[in-house]
């Protein structure tokens, strides 16, 4: 899956918590989140000099991407045959983040699992 396909898939399925997401879809969308955040931060820094409203654009961008990011995280966990509730590990400061990053970088389950067909087999 290429960058544009991944972003389009995640934004179109922004509340789709069922199914599976391959590594490429997750990591391309994470890259998109990083780019949007950097752009929003630059805009915030440039307008905060004039209007003295710090962080409003960055906060709005983060809020707009919250549901699509959560949905792709859950679908990525489904690809590993894990429940989407494991995404709550984000609330455990360092250990939870490390575990999730390792899981998100791991190859998904080959073949069908309880959450659907292998997204790489369809490609």
PDB file of N, CA and C in Angstrom:
ATOM      1  N   UNK A   1       0.858  -1.176   0.000  1.00  0.00           N
ATOM      2  CA  UNK A   1       0.000   0.000   0.000  1.00  0.00           C
ATOM      3  C   UNK A   1       0.901   1.234   0.000  1.00  0.00           C
ATOM      4  N   UNK A   2       0.605   2.171  -0.882  1.00  0.00           N
ATOM      5  CA  UNK A   2       1.411   3.380  -0.972  1.00  0.00           C
ATOM      6  C   UNK A   2       0.831   4.472  -0.071  1.00  0.00           C
ATOM      7  N   UNK A   3       1.575   5.569   0.038  1.00  0.00           N
ATOM      8  CA  UNK A   3       1.216   6.655   0.949  1.00  0.00           C
ATOM      9  C   UNK A   3      -0.210   7.157   0.706  1.00  0.00           C
ATOM     10  N   UNK A   4      -0.533   7.522  -0.530  1.00  0.00           N
ATOM     11  CA  UNK A   4      -1.850   8.103  -0.819  1.00  0.00           C
ATOM     12  C   UNK A   4      -2.976   7.108  -0.546  1.00  0.00           C
ATOM     13  N   UNK A   5      -2.782   5.856  -0.900  1.00  0.00           N
ATOM     14  CA  UNK A   5      -3.801   4.836  -0.627  1.00  0.00           C
ATOM     15  C   UNK A   5      -4.037   4.672   0.869  1.00  0.00           C
ATOM     16  N   UNK A   6      -2.963   4.658   1.625  1.00  0.00           N
ATOM     17  CA  UNK A   6      -3.073   4.480   3.068  1.00  0.00           C
ATOM     18  C   UNK A   6      -3.831   5.628   3.719  1.00  0.00           C
ATOM     19  N   UNK A   7      -3.476   6.839   3.365  1.00  0.00           N
ATOM     20  CA  UNK A   7      -4.138   8.007   3.944  1.00  0.00           C
ATOM     21  C   UNK A   7      -5.608   8.025   3.552  1.00  0.00           C
ATOM     22  N   UNK A   8      -5.888   7.742   2.292  1.00  0.00           N
ATOM     23  CA  UNK A   8      -7.274   7.717   1.821  1.00  0.00           C
ATOM     24  C   UNK A   8      -8.066   6.630   2.537  1.00  0.00           C
ATOM     25  N   UNK A   9      -7.477   5.455   2.684  1.00  0.00           N
ATOM     26  CA  UNK A   9      -8.144   4.348   3.367  1.00  0.00           C
ATOM     27  C   UNK A   9      -8.440   4.685   4.822  1.00  0.00           C
ATOM     28  N   UNK A  10      -7.483   5.282   5.501  1.00  0.00           N
ATOM     29  CA  UNK A  10      -7.672   5.611   6.920  1.00  0.00           C
ATOM     30  C   UNK A  10      -8.678   6.739   7.117  1.00  0.00           C
ATOM     31  N   UNK A  11      -8.649   7.733   6.248  1.00  0.00           N
ATOM     32  CA  UNK A  11      -9.584   8.847   6.396  1.00  0.00           C
ATOM     33  C   UNK A  11     -10.995   8.453   5.972  1.00  0.00           C
ATOM     34  N   UNK A  12     -11.127   7.582   4.958  1.00  0.00           N
ATOM     35  CA  UNK A  12     -12.455   7.113   4.561  1.00  0.00           C
ATOM     36  C   UNK A  12     -13.049   6.168   5.602  1.00  0.00           C
ATOM     37  N   UNK A  13     -12.204   5.355   6.235  1.00  0.00           N
ATOM     38  CA  UNK A  13     -12.682   4.432   7.257  1.00  0.00           C
ATOM     39  C   UNK A  13     -12.362   4.940   8.645  1.00  0.00           C
ATOM     40  N   UNK A  14     -12.635   6.214   8.892  1.00  0.00           N
ATOM     41  CA  UNK A  14     -12.204   6.847  10.144  1.00  0.00           C
ATOM     42  C   UNK A  14     -12.894   6.292  11.376  1.00  0.00           C
ATOM     43  N   UNK A  15     -14.015   5.605  11.210  1.00  0.00           N
ATOM     44  CA  UNK A  15     -14.653   4.948  12.353  1.00  0.00           C
ATOM     45  C   UNK A  15     -14.828   3.454  12.086  1.00  0.00           C
ATOM     46  N   UNK A  16     -14.023   2.912  11.195  1.00  0.00           N
ATOM     47  CA  UNK A  16     -14.088   1.481  10.881  1.00  0.00           C
ATOM     48  C   UNK A  16     -13.117   0.748  11.814  1.00  0.00           C
ATOM     49  N   UNK A  17     -13.664   0.136  12.846  1.00  0.00           N
ATOM     50  CA  UNK A  17     -12.844  -0.545  13.833  1.00  0.00           C
ATOM     51  C   UNK A  17     -12.803  -2.050  13.611  1.00  0.00           C
ATOM     52  N   UNK A  18     -13.451  -2.538  12.547  1.00  0.00           N
ATOM     53  CA  UNK A  18     -13.402  -3.963  12.248  1.00  0.00           C
ATOM     54  C   UNK A  18     -12.476  -4.204  11.062  1.00  0.00           C
ATOM     55  N   UNK A  19     -12.056  -5.429  10.906  1.00  0.00           N
ATOM     56  CA  UNK A  19     -11.147  -5.755   9.826  1.00  0.00           C
ATOM     57  C   UNK A  19      -9.694  -5.662  10.263  1.00  0.00           C
ATOM     58  N   UNK A  20      -8.829  -5.689   9.269  1.00  0.00           N
ATOM     59  CA  UNK A  20      -7.393  -5.727   9.542  1.00  0.00           C
ATOM     60  C   UNK A  20      -6.676  -4.655   8.718  1.00  0.00           C
ATOM     61  N   UNK A  21      -5.557  -4.174   9.234  1.00  0.00           N
ATOM     62  CA  UNK A  21      -4.739  -3.178   8.532  1.00  0.00           C
ATOM     63  C   UNK A  21      -3.302  -3.691   8.468  1.00  0.00           C
ATOM     64  N   UNK A  22      -2.708  -3.717   7.284  1.00  0.00           N
ATOM     65  CA  UNK A  22      -1.303  -4.148   7.182  1.00  0.00           C
ATOM     66  C   UNK A  22      -0.360  -3.093   7.748  1.00  0.00           C
ATOM     67  N   UNK A  23       0.886  -3.497   7.930  1.00  0.00           N
ATOM     68  CA  UNK A  23       1.886  -2.574   8.475  1.00  0.00           C
ATOM     69  C   UNK A  23       2.004  -1.308   7.639  1.00  0.00           C
ATOM     70  N   UNK A  24       1.999  -1.471   6.319  1.00  0.00           N
ATOM     71  CA  UNK A  24       2.201  -0.302   5.456  1.00  0.00           C
ATOM     72  C   UNK A  24       1.112   0.740   5.662  1.00  0.00           C
ATOM     73  N   UNK A  25      -0.133   0.287   5.801  1.00  0.00           N
ATOM     74  CA  UNK A  25      -1.223   1.239   6.019  1.00  0.00           C
ATOM     75  C   UNK A  25      -1.012   1.995   7.320  1.00  0.00           C
ATOM     76  N   UNK A  26      -0.668   1.295   8.386  1.00  0.00           N
ATOM     77  CA  UNK A  26      -0.472   1.954   9.678  1.00  0.00           C
ATOM     78  C   UNK A  26       0.688   2.947   9.626  1.00  0.00           C
ATOM     79  N   UNK A  27       1.840   2.512   9.120  1.00  0.00           N
ATOM     80  CA  UNK A  27       3.034   3.365   9.165  1.00  0.00           C
ATOM     81  C   UNK A  27       2.936   4.539   8.207  1.00  0.00           C
ATOM     82  N   UNK A  28       2.297   4.368   7.059  1.00  0.00           N
ATOM     83  CA  UNK A  28       2.106   5.526   6.175  1.00  0.00           C
ATOM     84  C   UNK A  28       1.171   6.541   6.816  1.00  0.00           C
ATOM     85  N   UNK A  29       0.141   6.052   7.516  1.00  0.00           N
ATOM     86  CA  UNK A  29      -0.761   6.991   8.190  1.00  0.00           C
ATOM     87  C   UNK A  29      -0.074   7.665   9.366  1.00  0.00           C
ATOM     88  N   UNK A  30       0.806   6.945  10.056  1.00  0.00           N
ATOM     89  CA  UNK A  30       1.584   7.562  11.137  1.00  0.00           C
ATOM     90  C   UNK A  30       2.482   8.661  10.575  1.00  0.00           C
ATOM     91  N   UNK A  31       3.059   8.426   9.396  1.00  0.00           N
ATOM     92  CA  UNK A  31       3.880   9.454   8.740  1.00  0.00           C
ATOM     93  C   UNK A  31       3.028  10.664   8.377  1.00  0.00           C
ATOM     94  N   UNK A  32       1.828  10.418   7.860  1.00  0.00           N
ATOM     95  CA  UNK A  32       0.898  11.499   7.538  1.00  0.00           C
ATOM     96  C   UNK A  32       0.563  12.308   8.784  1.00  0.00           C
ATOM     97  N   UNK A  33       0.310  11.627   9.918  1.00  0.00           N
ATOM     98  CA  UNK A  33       0.036  12.318  11.187  1.00  0.00           C
ATOM     99  C   UNK A  33       1.205  13.213  11.587  1.00  0.00           C
ATOM    100  N   UNK A  34       2.408  12.703  11.425  1.00  0.00           N
ATOM    101  CA  UNK A  34       3.603  13.469  11.765  1.00  0.00           C
ATOM    102  C   UNK A  34       3.728  14.716  10.884  1.00  0.00           C
ATOM    103  N   UNK A  35       3.483  14.561   9.589  1.00  0.00           N
ATOM    104  CA  UNK A  35       3.579  15.698   8.671  1.00  0.00           C
ATOM    105  C   UNK A  35       2.500  16.747   8.958  1.00  0.00           C
ATOM    106  N   UNK A  36       1.275  16.287   9.207  1.00  0.00           N
ATOM    107  CA  UNK A  36       0.193  17.225   9.533  1.00  0.00           C
ATOM    108  C   UNK A  36       0.496  17.951  10.838  1.00  0.00           C
ATOM    109  N   UNK A  37       1.014  17.221  11.824  1.00  0.00           N
ATOM    110  CA  UNK A  37       1.366  17.840  13.103  1.00  0.00           C
ATOM    111  C   UNK A  37       2.462  18.883  12.951  1.00  0.00           C
ATOM    112  N   UNK A  38       3.477  18.566  12.147  1.00  0.00           N
ATOM    113  CA  UNK A  38       4.575  19.521  11.928  1.00  0.00           C
ATOM    114  C   UNK A  38       4.070  20.767  11.205  1.00  0.00           C
ATOM    115  N   UNK A  39       3.222  20.570  10.204  1.00  0.00           N
ATOM    116  CA  UNK A  39       2.662  21.706   9.470  1.00  0.00           C
ATOM    117  C   UNK A  39       1.785  22.566  10.390  1.00  0.00           C
ATOM    118  N   UNK A  40       0.953  21.914  11.193  1.00  0.00           N
ATOM    119  CA  UNK A  40       0.082  22.648  12.122  1.00  0.00           C
ATOM    120  C   UNK A  40       0.906  23.415  13.154  1.00  0.00           C
ATOM    121  N   UNK A  41       1.989  22.806  13.602  1.00  0.00           N
ATOM    122  CA  UNK A  41       2.861  23.483  14.565  1.00  0.00           C
ATOM    123  C   UNK A  41       3.518  24.712  13.945  1.00  0.00           C
ATOM    124  N   UNK A  42       3.945  24.593  12.693  1.00  0.00           N
ATOM    125  CA  UNK A  42       4.538  25.751  11.996  1.00  0.00           C
ATOM    126  C   UNK A  42       3.524  26.870  11.838  1.00  0.00           C
ATOM    127  N   UNK A  43       2.303  26.520  11.473  1.00  0.00           N
ATOM    128  CA  UNK A  43       1.246  27.531  11.335  1.00  0.00           C
ATOM    129  C   UNK A  43       0.964  28.168  12.693  1.00  0.00           C
ATOM    130  N   UNK A  44       0.888  27.352  13.736  1.00  0.00           N
ATOM    131  CA  UNK A  44       0.664  27.886  15.082  1.00  0.00           C
ATOM    132  C   UNK A  44       1.746  28.861  15.507  1.00  0.00           C
ATOM    133  N   UNK A  45       2.991  28.491  15.250  1.00  0.00           N
ATOM    134  CA  UNK A  45       4.088  29.377  15.636  1.00  0.00           C
ATOM    135  C   UNK A  45       4.059  30.690  14.874  1.00  0.00           C
ATOM    136  N   UNK A  46       3.633  30.632  13.617  1.00  0.00           N
ATOM    137  CA  UNK A  46       3.603  31.865  12.835  1.00  0.00           C
ATOM    138  C   UNK A  46       2.429  32.773  13.208  1.00  0.00           C
ATOM    139  N   UNK A  47       1.281  32.185  13.566  1.00  0.00           N
ATOM    140  CA  UNK A  47       0.143  33.053  13.913  1.00  0.00           C
ATOM    141  C   UNK A  47       0.120  33.424  15.392  1.00  0.00           C
ATOM    142  N   UNK A  48       0.866  32.689  16.230  1.00  0.00           N
ATOM    143  CA  UNK A  48       0.863  33.034  17.654  1.00  0.00           C
ATOM    144  C   UNK A  48       1.573  34.357  17.915  1.00  0.00           C
ATOM    145  N   UNK A  49       2.434  34.759  17.001  1.00  0.00           N
ATOM    146  CA  UNK A  49       3.110  36.049  17.121  1.00  0.00           C
ATOM    147  C   UNK A  49       2.099  37.182  16.992  1.00  0.00           C
ATOM    148  N   UNK A  50       1.106  36.982  16.152  1.00  0.00           N
ATOM    149  CA  UNK A  50       0.111  38.024  15.887  1.00  0.00           C
ATOM    150  C   UNK A  50      -1.067  37.946  16.854  1.00  0.00           C
ATOM    151  N   UNK A  51      -1.646  36.743  17.016  1.00  0.00           N
ATOM    152  CA  UNK A  51      -2.907  36.613  17.739  1.00  0.00           C
ATOM    153  C   UNK A  51      -2.787  36.120  19.176  1.00  0.00           C
ATOM    154  N   UNK A  52      -1.635  35.667  19.589  1.00  0.00           N
ATOM    155  CA  UNK A  52      -1.407  35.184  20.950  1.00  0.00           C
ATOM    156  C   UNK A  52      -2.369  34.071  21.354  1.00  0.00           C
ATOM    157  N   UNK A  53      -2.682  33.178  20.416  1.00  0.00           N
ATOM    158  CA  UNK A  53      -3.496  31.992  20.700  1.00  0.00           C
ATOM    159  C   UNK A  53      -2.605  30.785  20.414  1.00  0.00           C
ATOM    160  N   UNK A  54      -1.864  30.315  21.407  1.00  0.00           N
ATOM    161  CA  UNK A  54      -0.906  29.236  21.148  1.00  0.00           C
ATOM    162  C   UNK A  54      -1.570  27.868  20.991  1.00  0.00           C
ATOM    163  N   UNK A  55      -1.147  27.138  19.977  1.00  0.00           N
ATOM    164  CA  UNK A  55      -1.522  25.744  19.833  1.00  0.00           C
ATOM    165  C   UNK A  55      -2.903  25.425  19.330  1.00  0.00           C
ATOM    166  N   UNK A  56      -3.671  26.381  18.846  1.00  0.00           N
ATOM    167  CA  UNK A  56      -5.049  26.091  18.447  1.00  0.00           C
ATOM    168  C   UNK A  56      -5.098  25.231  17.180  1.00  0.00           C
ATOM    169  N   UNK A  57      -4.277  25.521  16.185  1.00  0.00           N
ATOM    170  CA  UNK A  57      -4.278  24.752  14.935  1.00  0.00           C
ATOM    171  C   UNK A  57      -3.761  23.341  15.194  1.00  0.00           C
ATOM    172  N   UNK A  58      -2.706  23.227  15.967  1.00  0.00           N
ATOM    173  CA  UNK A  58      -2.145  21.919  16.317  1.00  0.00           C
ATOM    174  C   UNK A  58      -3.181  21.070  17.064  1.00  0.00           C
ATOM    175  N   UNK A  59      -3.899  21.683  17.980  1.00  0.00           N
ATOM    176  CA  UNK A  59      -4.927  20.972  18.746  1.00  0.00           C
ATOM    177  C   UNK A  59      -6.080  20.532  17.853  1.00  0.00           C
ATOM    178  N   UNK A  60      -6.510  21.391  16.948  1.00  0.00           N
ATOM    179  CA  UNK A  60      -7.593  21.035  16.031  1.00  0.00           C
ATOM    180  C   UNK A  60      -7.179  19.911  15.081  1.00  0.00           C
ATOM    181  N   UNK A  61      -5.946  19.951  14.603  1.00  0.00           N
ATOM    182  CA  UNK A  61      -5.452  18.886  13.715  1.00  0.00           C
ATOM    183  C   UNK A  61      -5.388  17.560  14.468  1.00  0.00           C
ATOM    184  N   UNK A  62      -4.904  17.593  15.693  1.00  0.00           N
ATOM    185  CA  UNK A  62      -4.856  16.381  16.502  1.00  0.00           C
ATOM    186  C   UNK A  62      -6.234  15.818  16.785  1.00  0.00           C
ATOM    187  N   UNK A  63      -7.170  16.691  17.056  1.00  0.00           N
ATOM    188  CA  UNK A  63      -8.541  16.268  17.310  1.00  0.00           C
ATOM    189  C   UNK A  63      -9.177  15.674  16.055  1.00  0.00           C
ATOM    190  N   UNK A  64      -8.899  16.279  14.906  1.00  0.00           N
ATOM    191  CA  UNK A  64      -9.461  15.786  13.643  1.00  0.00           C
ATOM    192  C   UNK A  64      -8.905  14.409  13.274  1.00  0.00           C
ATOM    193  N   UNK A  65      -7.669  14.129  13.643  1.00  0.00           N
ATOM    194  CA  UNK A  65      -7.045  12.851  13.293  1.00  0.00           C
ATOM    195  C   UNK A  65      -7.132  11.813  14.404  1.00  0.00           C
ATOM    196  N   UNK A  66      -7.789  12.139  15.506  1.00  0.00           N
ATOM    197  CA  UNK A  66      -7.862  11.219  16.638  1.00  0.00           C
ATOM    198  C   UNK A  66      -8.595   9.922  16.283  1.00  0.00           C
ATOM    199  N   UNK A  67      -9.808  10.017  15.763  1.00  0.00           N
ATOM    200  CA  UNK A  67     -10.578   8.818  15.435  1.00  0.00           C
ATOM    201  C   UNK A  67      -9.941   7.980  14.326  1.00  0.00           C
ATOM    202  N   UNK A  68      -9.486   8.587  13.217  1.00  0.00           N
ATOM    203  CA  UNK A  68      -8.826   7.746  12.210  1.00  0.00           C
ATOM    204  C   UNK A  68      -7.584   7.052  12.752  1.00  0.00           C
ATOM    205  N   UNK A  69      -6.834   7.724  13.606  1.00  0.00           N
ATOM    206  CA  UNK A  69      -5.635   7.125  14.187  1.00  0.00           C
ATOM    207  C   UNK A  69      -6.006   5.976  15.119  1.00  0.00           C
ATOM    208  N   UNK A  70      -7.022   6.153  15.930  1.00  0.00           N
ATOM    209  CA  UNK A  70      -7.477   5.100  16.825  1.00  0.00           C
ATOM    210  C   UNK A  70      -7.989   3.900  16.033  1.00  0.00           C
ATOM    211  N   UNK A  71      -8.738   4.160  14.969  1.00  0.00           N
ATOM    212  CA  UNK A  71      -9.285   3.076  14.154  1.00  0.00           C
ATOM    213  C   UNK A  71      -8.188   2.272  13.465  1.00  0.00           C
ATOM    214  N   UNK A  72      -7.176   2.934  12.914  1.00  0.00           N
ATOM    215  CA  UNK A  72      -6.107   2.191  12.251  1.00  0.00           C
ATOM    216  C   UNK A  72      -5.263   1.438  13.274  1.00  0.00           C
ATOM    217  N   UNK A  73      -5.121   1.945  14.476  1.00  0.00           N
ATOM    218  CA  UNK A  73      -4.406   1.216  15.533  1.00  0.00           C
ATOM    219  C   UNK A  73      -5.155  -0.068  15.894  1.00  0.00           C
ATOM    220  N   UNK A  74      -6.461   0.024  16.029  1.00  0.00           N
ATOM    221  CA  UNK A  74      -7.266  -1.156  16.359  1.00  0.00           C
ATOM    222  C   UNK A  74      -7.199  -2.173  15.219  1.00  0.00           C
ATOM    223  N   UNK A  75      -7.326  -1.714  13.978  1.00  0.00           N
ATOM    224  CA  UNK A  75      -7.239  -2.641  12.833  1.00  0.00           C
ATOM    225  C   UNK A  75      -5.855  -3.279  12.741  1.00  0.00           C
ATOM    226  N   UNK A  76      -4.815  -2.522  13.094  1.00  0.00           N
ATOM    227  CA  UNK A  76      -3.455  -3.076  13.082  1.00  0.00           C
ATOM    228  C   UNK A  76      -3.329  -4.175  14.136  1.00  0.00           C
ATOM    229  N   UNK A  77      -3.910  -3.959  15.315  1.00  0.00           N
ATOM    230  CA  UNK A  77      -3.899  -4.995  16.348  1.00  0.00           C
ATOM    231  C   UNK A  77      -4.697  -6.214  15.902  1.00  0.00           C
ATOM    232  N   UNK A  78      -5.795  -5.995  15.182  1.00  0.00           N
ATOM    233  CA  UNK A  78      -6.566  -7.111  14.647  1.00  0.00           C
ATOM    234  C   UNK A  78      -5.734  -7.933  13.671  1.00  0.00           C
ATOM    235  N   UNK A  79      -4.861  -7.296  12.920  1.00  0.00           N
ATOM    236  CA  UNK A  79      -4.000  -8.011  11.980  1.00  0.00           C
ATOM    237  C   UNK A  79      -3.060  -8.955  12.722  1.00  0.00           C
ATOM    238  N   UNK A  80      -2.757  -8.636  13.969  1.00  0.00           N
ATOM    239  CA  UNK A  80      -1.907  -9.486  14.800  1.00  0.00           C
ATOM    240  C   UNK A  80      -2.723 -10.495  15.597  1.00  0.00           C
ATOM    241  N   UNK A  81      -4.034 -10.545  15.335  1.00  0.00           N
ATOM    242  CA  UNK A  81      -4.984 -11.417  16.036  1.00  0.00           C
ATOM    243  C   UNK A  81      -5.068 -11.062  17.519  1.00  0.00           C
ATOM    244  N   UNK A  82      -5.012  -9.772  17.802  1.00  0.00           N
ATOM    245  CA  UNK A  82      -5.156  -9.267  19.168  1.00  0.00           C
ATOM    246  C   UNK A  82      -6.400  -8.385  19.230  1.00  0.00           C
ATOM    247  N   UNK A  83      -6.984  -8.317  20.390  1.00  0.00           N
ATOM    248  CA  UNK A  83      -8.155  -7.479  20.588  1.00  0.00           C
ATOM    249  C   UNK A  83      -7.772  -6.002  20.446  1.00  0.00           C
ATOM    250  N   UNK A  84      -8.714  -5.213  19.961  1.00  0.00           N
ATOM    251  CA  UNK A  84      -8.480  -3.779  19.836  1.00  0.00           C
ATOM    252  C   UNK A  84      -8.323  -3.076  21.171  1.00  0.00           C
ATOM    253  N   UNK A  85      -8.769  -3.723  22.234  1.00  0.00           N
ATOM    254  CA  UNK A  85      -8.650  -3.131  23.564  1.00  0.00           C
ATOM    255  C   UNK A  85      -7.196  -2.993  24.004  1.00  0.00           C
ATOM    256  N   UNK A  86      -6.275  -3.707  23.345  1.00  0.00           N
ATOM    257  CA  UNK A  86      -4.858  -3.569  23.678  1.00  0.00           C
ATOM    258  C   UNK A  86      -4.352  -2.160  23.387  1.00  0.00           C
ATOM    259  N   UNK A  87      -5.098  -1.387  22.618  1.00  0.00           N
ATOM    260  CA  UNK A  87      -4.696  -0.013  22.323  1.00  0.00           C
ATOM    261  C   UNK A  87      -4.641   0.826  23.598  1.00  0.00           C
ATOM    262  N   UNK A  88      -5.306   0.367  24.643  1.00  0.00           N
ATOM    263  CA  UNK A  88      -5.270   1.079  25.925  1.00  0.00           C
ATOM    264  C   UNK A  88      -3.888   1.046  26.568  1.00  0.00           C
ATOM    265  N   UNK A  89      -2.972   0.258  26.017  1.00  0.00           N
ATOM    266  CA  UNK A  89      -1.590   0.272  26.507  1.00  0.00           C
ATOM    267  C   UNK A  89      -0.935   1.639  26.312  1.00  0.00           C
ATOM    268  N   UNK A  90      -1.504   2.456  25.426  1.00  0.00           N
ATOM    269  CA  UNK A  90      -0.982   3.812  25.248  1.00  0.00           C
ATOM    270  C   UNK A  90      -1.017   4.609  26.549  1.00  0.00           C
ATOM    271  N   UNK A  91      -1.893   4.232  27.471  1.00  0.00           N
ATOM    272  CA  UNK A  91      -2.003   4.955  28.729  1.00  0.00           C
ATOM    273  C   UNK A  91      -0.945   4.553  29.752  1.00  0.00           C
ATOM    274  N   UNK A  92      -0.172   3.507  29.449  1.00  0.00           N
ATOM    275  CA  UNK A  92       0.956   3.128  30.306  1.00  0.00           C
ATOM    276  C   UNK A  92       2.183   3.809  29.719  1.00  0.00           C
ATOM    277  N   UNK A  93       2.752   4.793  30.416  1.00  0.00           N
ATOM    278  CA  UNK A  93       3.736   5.688  29.817  1.00  0.00           C
ATOM    279  C   UNK A  93       4.821   5.086  28.929  1.00  0.00           C
ATOM    280  N   UNK A  94       5.809   4.455  29.389  1.00  0.00           N
ATOM    281  CA  UNK A  94       6.912   4.057  28.521  1.00  0.00           C
ATOM    282  C   UNK A  94       6.746   2.629  28.023  1.00  0.00           C
ATOM    283  N   UNK A  95       6.455   1.721  28.921  1.00  0.00           N
ATOM    284  CA  UNK A  95       6.359   0.301  28.583  1.00  0.00           C
ATOM    285  C   UNK A  95       5.249   0.050  27.563  1.00  0.00           C
ATOM    286  N   UNK A  96       4.090   0.648  27.775  1.00  0.00           N
ATOM    287  CA  UNK A  96       2.965   0.456  26.852  1.00  0.00           C
ATOM    288  C   UNK A  96       3.282   0.928  25.451  1.00  0.00           C
ATOM    289  N   UNK A  97       3.950   2.056  25.345  1.00  0.00           N
ATOM    290  CA  UNK A  97       4.312   2.594  24.030  1.00  0.00           C
ATOM    291  C   UNK A  97       5.299   1.672  23.327  1.00  0.00           C
ATOM    292  N   UNK A  98       6.280   1.178  24.063  1.00  0.00           N
ATOM    293  CA  UNK A  98       7.283   0.292  23.467  1.00  0.00           C
ATOM    294  C   UNK A  98       6.637  -0.998  22.969  1.00  0.00           C
ATOM    295  N   UNK A  99       5.766  -1.576  23.787  1.00  0.00           N
ATOM    296  CA  UNK A  99       5.082  -2.812  23.394  1.00  0.00           C
ATOM    297  C   UNK A  99       4.263  -2.589  22.132  1.00  0.00           C
ATOM    298  N   UNK A 100       3.504  -1.506  22.078  1.00  0.00           N
ATOM    299  CA  UNK A 100       2.672  -1.236  20.905  1.00  0.00           C
ATOM    300  C   UNK A 100       3.512  -0.968  19.664  1.00  0.00           C
ATOM    301  N   UNK A 101       4.606  -0.251  19.791  1.00  0.00           N
ATOM    302  CA  UNK A 101       5.468   0.002  18.634  1.00  0.00           C
ATOM    303  C   UNK A 101       6.031  -1.313  18.096  1.00  0.00           C
ATOM    304  N   UNK A 102       6.441  -2.197  18.995  1.00  0.00           N
ATOM    305  CA  UNK A 102       6.948  -3.501  18.557  1.00  0.00           C
ATOM    306  C   UNK A 102       5.844  -4.291  17.860  1.00  0.00           C
ATOM    307  N   UNK A 103       4.657  -4.302  18.432  1.00  0.00           N
ATOM    308  CA  UNK A 103       3.548  -5.017  17.797  1.00  0.00           C
ATOM    309  C   UNK A 103       3.196  -4.416  16.440  1.00  0.00           C
ATOM    310  N   UNK A 104       3.172  -3.084  16.348  1.00  0.00           N
ATOM    311  CA  UNK A 104       2.814  -2.443  15.088  1.00  0.00           C
ATOM    312  C   UNK A 104       3.858  -2.688  14.004  1.00  0.00           C
ATOM    313  N   UNK A 105       5.092  -2.980  14.398  1.00  0.00           N
ATOM    314  CA  UNK A 105       6.158  -3.245  13.431  1.00  0.00           C
ATOM    315  C   UNK A 105       6.256  -4.723  13.068  1.00  0.00           C
ATOM    316  N   UNK A 106       5.504  -5.565  13.748  1.00  0.00           N
ATOM    317  CA  UNK A 106       5.546  -7.002  13.516  1.00  0.00           C
ATOM    318  C   UNK A 106       4.630  -7.389  12.357  1.00  0.00           C
ATOM    319  N   UNK A 107       5.054  -8.376  11.590  1.00  0.00           N
ATOM    320  CA  UNK A 107       4.237  -8.898  10.486  1.00  0.00           C
ATOM    321  C   UNK A 107       2.946  -9.466  11.047  1.00  0.00           C
ATOM    322  N   UNK A 108       1.849  -9.178  10.393  1.00  0.00           N
ATOM    323  CA  UNK A 108       0.554  -9.676  10.829  1.00  0.00           C
ATOM    324  C   UNK A 108       0.419 -11.167  10.614  1.00  0.00           C
ATOM    325  N   UNK A 109      -0.642 -11.730  11.137  1.00  0.00           N
ATOM    326  CA  UNK A 109      -0.903 -13.158  11.018  1.00  0.00           C
ATOM    327  C   UNK A 109      -1.156 -13.520   9.560  1.00  0.00           C
ATOM    328  N   UNK A 110      -0.472 -14.549   9.084  1.00  0.00           N
ATOM    329  CA  UNK A 110      -0.647 -15.005   7.707  1.00  0.00           C
ATOM    330  C   UNK A 110      -1.952 -15.777   7.619  1.00  0.00           C
ATOM    331  N   UNK A 111      -2.736 -15.473   6.587  1.00  0.00           N
ATOM    332  CA  UNK A 111      -4.024 -16.138   6.419  1.00  0.00           C
ATOM    333  C   UNK A 111      -5.112 -15.470   7.238  1.00  0.00           C
ATOM    334  N   UNK A 112      -6.274 -16.085   7.203  1.00  0.00           N
ATOM    335  CA  UNK A 112      -7.429 -15.534   7.908  1.00  0.00           C
ATOM    336  C   UNK A 112      -7.270 -15.735   9.414  1.00  0.00           C
ATOM    337  N   UNK A 113      -7.806 -14.793  10.168  1.00  0.00           N
ATOM    338  CA  UNK A 113      -7.890 -14.946  11.617  1.00  0.00           C
ATOM    339  C   UNK A 113      -9.300 -14.570  12.040  1.00  0.00           C
ATOM    340  N   UNK A 114      -9.539 -14.436  13.320  1.00  0.00           N
ATOM    341  CA  UNK A 114     -10.893 -14.169  13.808  1.00  0.00           C
ATOM    342  C   UNK A 114     -11.396 -12.775  13.441  1.00  0.00           C
ATOM    343  N   UNK A 115     -10.524 -11.917  12.886  1.00  0.00           N
ATOM    344  CA  UNK A 115     -10.927 -10.562  12.530  1.00  0.00           C
ATOM    345  C   UNK A 115     -11.065 -10.361  11.028  1.00  0.00           C
ATOM    346  N   UNK A 116     -10.803 -11.383  10.242  1.00  0.00           N
ATOM    347  CA  UNK A 116     -10.986 -11.264   8.799  1.00  0.00           C
ATOM    348  C   UNK A 116      -9.854 -11.900   8.012  1.00  0.00           C
ATOM    349  N   UNK A 117      -9.914 -11.683   6.718  1.00  0.00           N
ATOM    350  CA  UNK A 117      -8.919 -12.220   5.808  1.00  0.00           C
ATOM    351  C   UNK A 117      -7.630 -11.425   5.887  1.00  0.00           C
ATOM    352  N   UNK A 118      -6.537 -12.044   5.470  1.00  0.00           N
ATOM    353  CA  UNK A 118      -5.234 -11.401   5.426  1.00  0.00           C
ATOM    354  C   UNK A 118      -5.249 -10.284   4.389  1.00  0.00           C
ATOM    355  N   UNK A 119      -4.992  -9.021   4.788  1.00  0.00           N
ATOM    356  CA  UNK A 119      -5.035  -7.926   3.807  1.00  0.00           C
ATOM    357  C   UNK A 119      -3.916  -8.026   2.768  1.00  0.00           C
ATOM    358  N   UNK A 120      -2.835  -8.704   3.086  1.00  0.00           N
ATOM    359  CA  UNK A 120      -1.742  -8.849   2.117  1.00  0.00           C
ATOM    360  C   UNK A 120      -2.040  -9.944   1.114  1.00  0.00           C
ATOM    361  N   UNK A 121      -2.849 -10.924   1.482  1.00  0.00           N
ATOM    362  CA  UNK A 121      -3.203 -11.989   0.556  1.00  0.00           C
ATOM    363  C   UNK A 121      -4.115 -11.466  -0.547  1.00  0.00           C
ATOM    364  N   UNK A 122      -4.935 -10.459  -0.205  1.00  0.00           N
ATOM    365  CA  UNK A 122      -5.844  -9.870  -1.199  1.00  0.00           C
ATOM    366  C   UNK A 122      -5.083  -9.045  -2.232  1.00  0.00           C
ATOM    367  N   UNK A 123      -3.898  -8.529  -1.865  1.00  0.00           N
ATOM    368  CA  UNK A 123      -3.119  -7.705  -2.781  1.00  0.00           C
ATOM    369  C   UNK A 123      -2.328  -8.557  -3.669  1.00  0.00           C
TER     370      UNK A 123
END
